[in-house]
Amino acid sequence: MSFRVMFWGLIIVTLLIMVALPTVMMIGFGMLPAIVAGIIDRTEEKSATICVGGLNFCGLFPYLLELWIQDNSLSEATGLLTDVFVLAVIYGGACMGWLLYLSLPPVIASFIQVMSQRRLQQLRSTQKELIKEWGDEFIMDADLGDPMMPSDDDSDAVPAAA
């Protein structure tokens, strides 16, 4: 990262801490699983970060609204963050994000494999119908076994000059 980006990021975080410390504290502590996912996700698409972060934020958002609507103070934020059920909902959302990220790709891969096998069966049945209709010569032409086509061995022979 460039120095300019780090500098402005530090200024923005400092201003947010001065203006909205309870919100920053809730987001900072509540979004820890998403931060970890962002650190360990080395892929270009950042799929784990998006999946875990999105569901983690979904678990955190109701309590952010509660903080904003009620008493937006440090004592209220600390009270929410020390409640076991609040943490269970927040981190449970992150857990669901990890489960979704880890379980969905194999399910989709098996679905695609089943679709591919079904398509292969359809193609083979179409091939059998074509063989019934056109005969075995159809297979020879497809395999380049046509006697009219020169084979690789005949290409070495030079035709006699007339």
C-alpha atoms as a PDB file:
ATOM      1  CA  MET A   1       0.000   0.000   0.000  1.00  0.00           C
ATOM      2  CA  SER A   2       1.160   3.476  -0.693  1.00  0.00           C
ATOM      3  CA  PHE A   3       1.993   5.952   2.026  1.00  0.00           C
ATOM      4  CA  ARG A   4      -0.794   8.277   0.894  1.00  0.00           C
ATOM      5  CA  VAL A   5      -3.488   5.597   1.307  1.00  0.00           C
ATOM      6  CA  MET A   6      -2.201   4.621   4.743  1.00  0.00           C
ATOM      7  CA  PHE A   7      -2.023   8.263   5.807  1.00  0.00           C
ATOM      8  CA  TRP A   8      -5.618   9.067   4.793  1.00  0.00           C
ATOM      9  CA  GLY A   9      -6.868   5.786   6.252  1.00  0.00           C
ATOM     10  CA  LEU A  10      -5.271   6.645   9.578  1.00  0.00           C
ATOM     11  CA  ILE A  11      -6.823  10.126   9.532  1.00  0.00           C
ATOM     12  CA  ILE A  12     -10.292   8.730   8.754  1.00  0.00           C
ATOM     13  CA  VAL A  13     -10.060   6.097  11.504  1.00  0.00           C
ATOM     14  CA  THR A  14      -8.874   8.719  13.996  1.00  0.00           C
ATOM     15  CA  LEU A  15     -11.794  10.999  13.139  1.00  0.00           C
ATOM     16  CA  LEU A  16     -14.252   8.127  13.413  1.00  0.00           C
ATOM     17  CA  ILE A  17     -12.886   7.179  16.821  1.00  0.00           C
ATOM     18  CA  MET A  18     -13.274  10.758  18.011  1.00  0.00           C
ATOM     19  CA  VAL A  19     -16.817  11.130  16.652  1.00  0.00           C
ATOM     20  CA  ALA A  20     -18.327   7.646  16.991  1.00  0.00           C
ATOM     21  CA  LEU A  21     -16.245   5.603  19.426  1.00  0.00           C
ATOM     22  CA  PRO A  22     -19.081   3.228  20.497  1.00  0.00           C
ATOM     23  CA  THR A  23     -19.871   2.386  16.868  1.00  0.00           C
ATOM     24  CA  VAL A  24     -16.209   1.888  15.979  1.00  0.00           C
ATOM     25  CA  MET A  25     -15.794  -0.323  19.027  1.00  0.00           C
ATOM     26  CA  MET A  26     -18.821  -2.457  18.087  1.00  0.00           C
ATOM     27  CA  ILE A  27     -17.720  -2.784  14.468  1.00  0.00           C
ATOM     28  CA  GLY A  28     -14.088  -3.428  15.361  1.00  0.00           C
ATOM     29  CA  PHE A  29     -14.868  -6.145  17.878  1.00  0.00           C
ATOM     30  CA  GLY A  30     -17.886  -7.598  16.085  1.00  0.00           C
ATOM     31  CA  MET A  31     -16.249  -7.863  12.685  1.00  0.00           C
ATOM     32  CA  LEU A  32     -13.128  -9.705  13.879  1.00  0.00           C
ATOM     33  CA  PRO A  33     -14.045 -12.917  11.975  1.00  0.00           C
ATOM     34  CA  ALA A  34     -14.387 -10.909   8.753  1.00  0.00           C
ATOM     35  CA  ILE A  35     -11.027  -9.256   9.374  1.00  0.00           C
ATOM     36  CA  VAL A  36      -9.421 -12.662   9.902  1.00  0.00           C
ATOM     37  CA  ALA A  37     -11.088 -13.970   6.739  1.00  0.00           C
ATOM     38  CA  GLY A  38      -9.709 -10.980   4.837  1.00  0.00           C
ATOM     39  CA  ILE A  39      -6.209 -11.674   6.120  1.00  0.00           C
ATOM     40  CA  ILE A  40      -6.149 -15.394   5.338  1.00  0.00           C
ATOM     41  CA  ASP A  41      -8.043 -15.238   2.020  1.00  0.00           C
ATOM     42  CA  ARG A  42      -5.334 -15.219  -0.650  1.00  0.00           C
ATOM     43  CA  THR A  43      -7.616 -15.587  -3.666  1.00  0.00           C
ATOM     44  CA  GLU A  44      -8.125 -12.822  -6.196  1.00  0.00           C
ATOM     45  CA  GLU A  45     -11.924 -12.809  -5.769  1.00  0.00           C
ATOM     46  CA  LYS A  46     -11.832 -12.670  -1.933  1.00  0.00           C
ATOM     47  CA  SER A  47     -14.827 -15.031  -1.788  1.00  0.00           C
ATOM     48  CA  ALA A  48     -14.259 -16.031   1.841  1.00  0.00           C
ATOM     49  CA  THR A  49     -14.009 -12.411   2.924  1.00  0.00           C
ATOM     50  CA  ILE A  50     -17.221 -11.459   1.146  1.00  0.00           C
ATOM     51  CA  CYS A  51     -19.137 -14.485   2.417  1.00  0.00           C
ATOM     52  CA  VAL A  52     -17.961 -14.307   6.025  1.00  0.00           C
ATOM     53  CA  GLY A  53     -17.992 -10.510   6.162  1.00  0.00           C
ATOM     54  CA  GLY A  54     -21.485 -10.202   4.736  1.00  0.00           C
ATOM     55  CA  LEU A  55     -23.076 -12.648   7.141  1.00  0.00           C
ATOM     56  CA  ASN A  56     -20.983 -11.338  10.022  1.00  0.00           C
ATOM     57  CA  PHE A  57     -22.309  -7.843   9.355  1.00  0.00           C
ATOM     58  CA  CYS A  58     -25.858  -9.228   9.141  1.00  0.00           C
ATOM     59  CA  GLY A  59     -25.413 -10.586  12.660  1.00  0.00           C
ATOM     60  CA  LEU A  60     -23.927  -7.312  13.900  1.00  0.00           C
ATOM     61  CA  PHE A  61     -26.342  -4.862  12.276  1.00  0.00           C
ATOM     62  CA  PRO A  62     -29.355  -5.312  14.613  1.00  0.00           C
ATOM     63  CA  TYR A  63     -27.167  -4.526  17.603  1.00  0.00           C
ATOM     64  CA  LEU A  64     -25.675  -1.499  15.843  1.00  0.00           C
ATOM     65  CA  LEU A  65     -29.218  -0.241  15.301  1.00  0.00           C
ATOM     66  CA  GLU A  66     -29.990  -0.913  18.955  1.00  0.00           C
ATOM     67  CA  LEU A  67     -26.907   1.062  19.926  1.00  0.00           C
ATOM     68  CA  TRP A  68     -27.827   3.977  17.650  1.00  0.00           C
ATOM     69  CA  ILE A  69     -31.508   4.087  18.634  1.00  0.00           C
ATOM     70  CA  GLN A  70     -30.979   3.753  22.374  1.00  0.00           C
ATOM     71  CA  ASP A  71     -28.159   5.329  24.328  1.00  0.00           C
ATOM     72  CA  ASN A  72     -25.195   5.732  21.951  1.00  0.00           C
ATOM     73  CA  SER A  73     -22.583   5.549  24.689  1.00  0.00           C
ATOM     74  CA  LEU A  74     -19.544   3.488  25.632  1.00  0.00           C
ATOM     75  CA  SER A  75     -21.404   1.831  28.502  1.00  0.00           C
ATOM     76  CA  GLU A  76     -24.176   0.668  26.119  1.00  0.00           C
ATOM     77  CA  ALA A  77     -21.613  -0.650  23.600  1.00  0.00           C
ATOM     78  CA  THR A  78     -19.700  -2.425  26.372  1.00  0.00           C
ATOM     79  CA  GLY A  79     -22.946  -3.881  27.689  1.00  0.00           C
ATOM     80  CA  LEU A  80     -23.821  -5.242  24.258  1.00  0.00           C
ATOM     81  CA  LEU A  81     -20.349  -6.664  23.678  1.00  0.00           C
ATOM     82  CA  THR A  82     -20.316  -8.455  27.036  1.00  0.00           C
ATOM     83  CA  ASP A  83     -23.714 -10.093  26.468  1.00  0.00           C
ATOM     84  CA  VAL A  84     -23.166 -13.730  25.531  1.00  0.00           C
ATOM     85  CA  PHE A  85     -26.287 -13.932  23.375  1.00  0.00           C
ATOM     86  CA  VAL A  86     -25.290 -10.843  21.380  1.00  0.00           C
ATOM     87  CA  LEU A  87     -21.861 -12.349  20.716  1.00  0.00           C
ATOM     88  CA  ALA A  88     -23.477 -15.659  19.788  1.00  0.00           C
ATOM     89  CA  VAL A  89     -25.617 -13.937  17.155  1.00  0.00           C
ATOM     90  CA  ILE A  90     -22.753 -11.832  15.792  1.00  0.00           C
ATOM     91  CA  TYR A  91     -20.227 -14.659  15.614  1.00  0.00           C
ATOM     92  CA  GLY A  92     -22.929 -17.147  14.631  1.00  0.00           C
ATOM     93  CA  GLY A  93     -23.461 -15.088  11.487  1.00  0.00           C
ATOM     94  CA  ALA A  94     -19.749 -15.335  10.745  1.00  0.00           C
ATOM     95  CA  CYS A  95     -19.903 -19.083  11.400  1.00  0.00           C
ATOM     96  CA  MET A  96     -22.736 -19.398   8.886  1.00  0.00           C
ATOM     97  CA  GLY A  97     -20.612 -17.467   6.392  1.00  0.00           C
ATOM     98  CA  TRP A  98     -17.737 -19.932   6.854  1.00  0.00           C
ATOM     99  CA  LEU A  99     -20.118 -22.884   6.511  1.00  0.00           C
ATOM    100  CA  LEU A 100     -21.565 -21.404   3.339  1.00  0.00           C
ATOM    101  CA  TYR A 101     -18.113 -20.707   1.923  1.00  0.00           C
ATOM    102  CA  LEU A 102     -16.817 -24.198   2.703  1.00  0.00           C
ATOM    103  CA  SER A 103     -19.883 -26.270   1.803  1.00  0.00           C
ATOM    104  CA  LEU A 104     -21.328 -24.589  -1.274  1.00  0.00           C
ATOM    105  CA  PRO A 105     -18.487 -25.189  -3.803  1.00  0.00           C
ATOM    106  CA  PRO A 106     -18.549 -29.015  -3.434  1.00  0.00           C
ATOM    107  CA  VAL A 107     -22.343 -29.020  -3.777  1.00  0.00           C
ATOM    108  CA  ILE A 108     -22.169 -26.936  -6.945  1.00  0.00           C
ATOM    109  CA  ALA A 109     -19.342 -29.102  -8.322  1.00  0.00           C
ATOM    110  CA  SER A 110     -21.355 -32.282  -7.795  1.00  0.00           C
ATOM    111  CA  PHE A 111     -24.404 -30.649  -9.402  1.00  0.00           C
ATOM    112  CA  ILE A 112     -22.333 -29.680 -12.448  1.00  0.00           C
ATOM    113  CA  GLN A 113     -20.904 -33.206 -12.622  1.00  0.00           C
ATOM    114  CA  VAL A 114     -24.405 -34.734 -12.602  1.00  0.00           C
ATOM    115  CA  MET A 115     -25.485 -32.330 -15.342  1.00  0.00           C
ATOM    116  CA  SER A 116     -22.405 -33.237 -17.407  1.00  0.00           C
ATOM    117  CA  GLN A 117     -23.075 -36.968 -17.035  1.00  0.00           C
ATOM    118  CA  ARG A 118     -26.684 -36.464 -18.091  1.00  0.00           C
ATOM    119  CA  ARG A 119     -25.545 -34.515 -21.157  1.00  0.00           C
ATOM    120  CA  LEU A 120     -23.042 -37.282 -21.982  1.00  0.00           C
ATOM    121  CA  GLN A 121     -25.833 -39.871 -21.815  1.00  0.00           C
ATOM    122  CA  GLN A 122     -27.961 -37.759 -24.164  1.00  0.00           C
ATOM    123  CA  LEU A 123     -25.078 -37.421 -26.623  1.00  0.00           C
ATOM    124  CA  ARG A 124     -24.415 -41.166 -26.547  1.00  0.00           C
ATOM    125  CA  SER A 125     -28.070 -41.957 -27.230  1.00  0.00           C
ATOM    126  CA  THR A 126     -28.017 -39.507 -30.147  1.00  0.00           C
ATOM    127  CA  GLN A 127     -24.831 -41.189 -31.379  1.00  0.00           C
ATOM    128  CA  LYS A 128     -26.493 -44.622 -31.267  1.00  0.00           C
ATOM    129  CA  GLU A 129     -29.458 -43.290 -33.255  1.00  0.00           C
ATOM    130  CA  LEU A 130     -27.086 -41.854 -35.864  1.00  0.00           C
ATOM    131  CA  ILE A 131     -25.257 -45.176 -36.134  1.00  0.00           C
ATOM    132  CA  LYS A 132     -28.569 -46.986 -36.640  1.00  0.00           C
ATOM    133  CA  GLU A 133     -29.566 -44.500 -39.333  1.00  0.00           C
ATOM    134  CA  TRP A 134     -26.241 -44.087 -41.171  1.00  0.00           C
ATOM    135  CA  GLY A 135     -24.444 -47.352 -40.400  1.00  0.00           C
ATOM    136  CA  ASP A 136     -20.878 -48.109 -39.333  1.00  0.00           C
ATOM    137  CA  GLU A 137     -19.361 -46.055 -42.167  1.00  0.00           C
ATOM    138  CA  PHE A 138     -20.434 -43.010 -40.197  1.00  0.00           C
ATOM    139  CA  ILE A 139     -18.020 -44.013 -37.423  1.00  0.00           C
ATOM    140  CA  MET A 140     -15.155 -44.659 -39.821  1.00  0.00           C
ATOM    141  CA  ASP A 141     -15.547 -41.181 -41.368  1.00  0.00           C
ATOM    142  CA  ALA A 142     -15.637 -39.587 -37.910  1.00  0.00           C
ATOM    143  CA  ASP A 143     -12.469 -41.426 -36.871  1.00  0.00           C
ATOM    144  CA  LEU A 144     -10.717 -40.295 -40.074  1.00  0.00           C
ATOM    145  CA  GLY A 145     -10.665 -43.926 -41.175  1.00  0.00           C
ATOM    146  CA  ASP A 146     -12.174 -43.003 -44.551  1.00  0.00           C
ATOM    147  CA  PRO A 147     -10.307 -44.815 -47.332  1.00  0.00           C
ATOM    148  CA  MET A 148     -10.634 -41.675 -49.482  1.00  0.00           C
ATOM    149  CA  MET A 149      -8.674 -39.622 -46.946  1.00  0.00           C
ATOM    150  CA  PRO A 150      -4.870 -40.021 -47.063  1.00  0.00           C
ATOM    151  CA  SER A 151      -3.384 -41.460 -43.903  1.00  0.00           C
ATOM    152  CA  ASP A 152      -0.198 -40.251 -42.252  1.00  0.00           C
ATOM    153  CA  ASP A 153       1.769 -43.158 -43.749  1.00  0.00           C
ATOM    154  CA  ASP A 154       0.778 -42.249 -47.324  1.00  0.00           C
ATOM    155  CA  SER A 155       1.990 -38.668 -46.957  1.00  0.00           C
ATOM    156  CA  ASP A 156       5.621 -39.792 -47.234  1.00  0.00           C
ATOM    157  CA  ALA A 157       5.068 -41.282 -50.655  1.00  0.00           C
ATOM    158  CA  VAL A 158       5.746 -38.928 -53.535  1.00  0.00           C
ATOM    159  CA  PRO A 159       3.408 -39.301 -56.494  1.00  0.00           C
ATOM    160  CA  ALA A 160       5.083 -40.352 -59.720  1.00  0.00           C
ATOM    161  CA  ALA A 161       5.680 -37.616 -62.233  1.00  0.00           C
ATOM    162  CA  ALA A 162       3.591 -37.820 -65.375  1.00  0.00           C
END
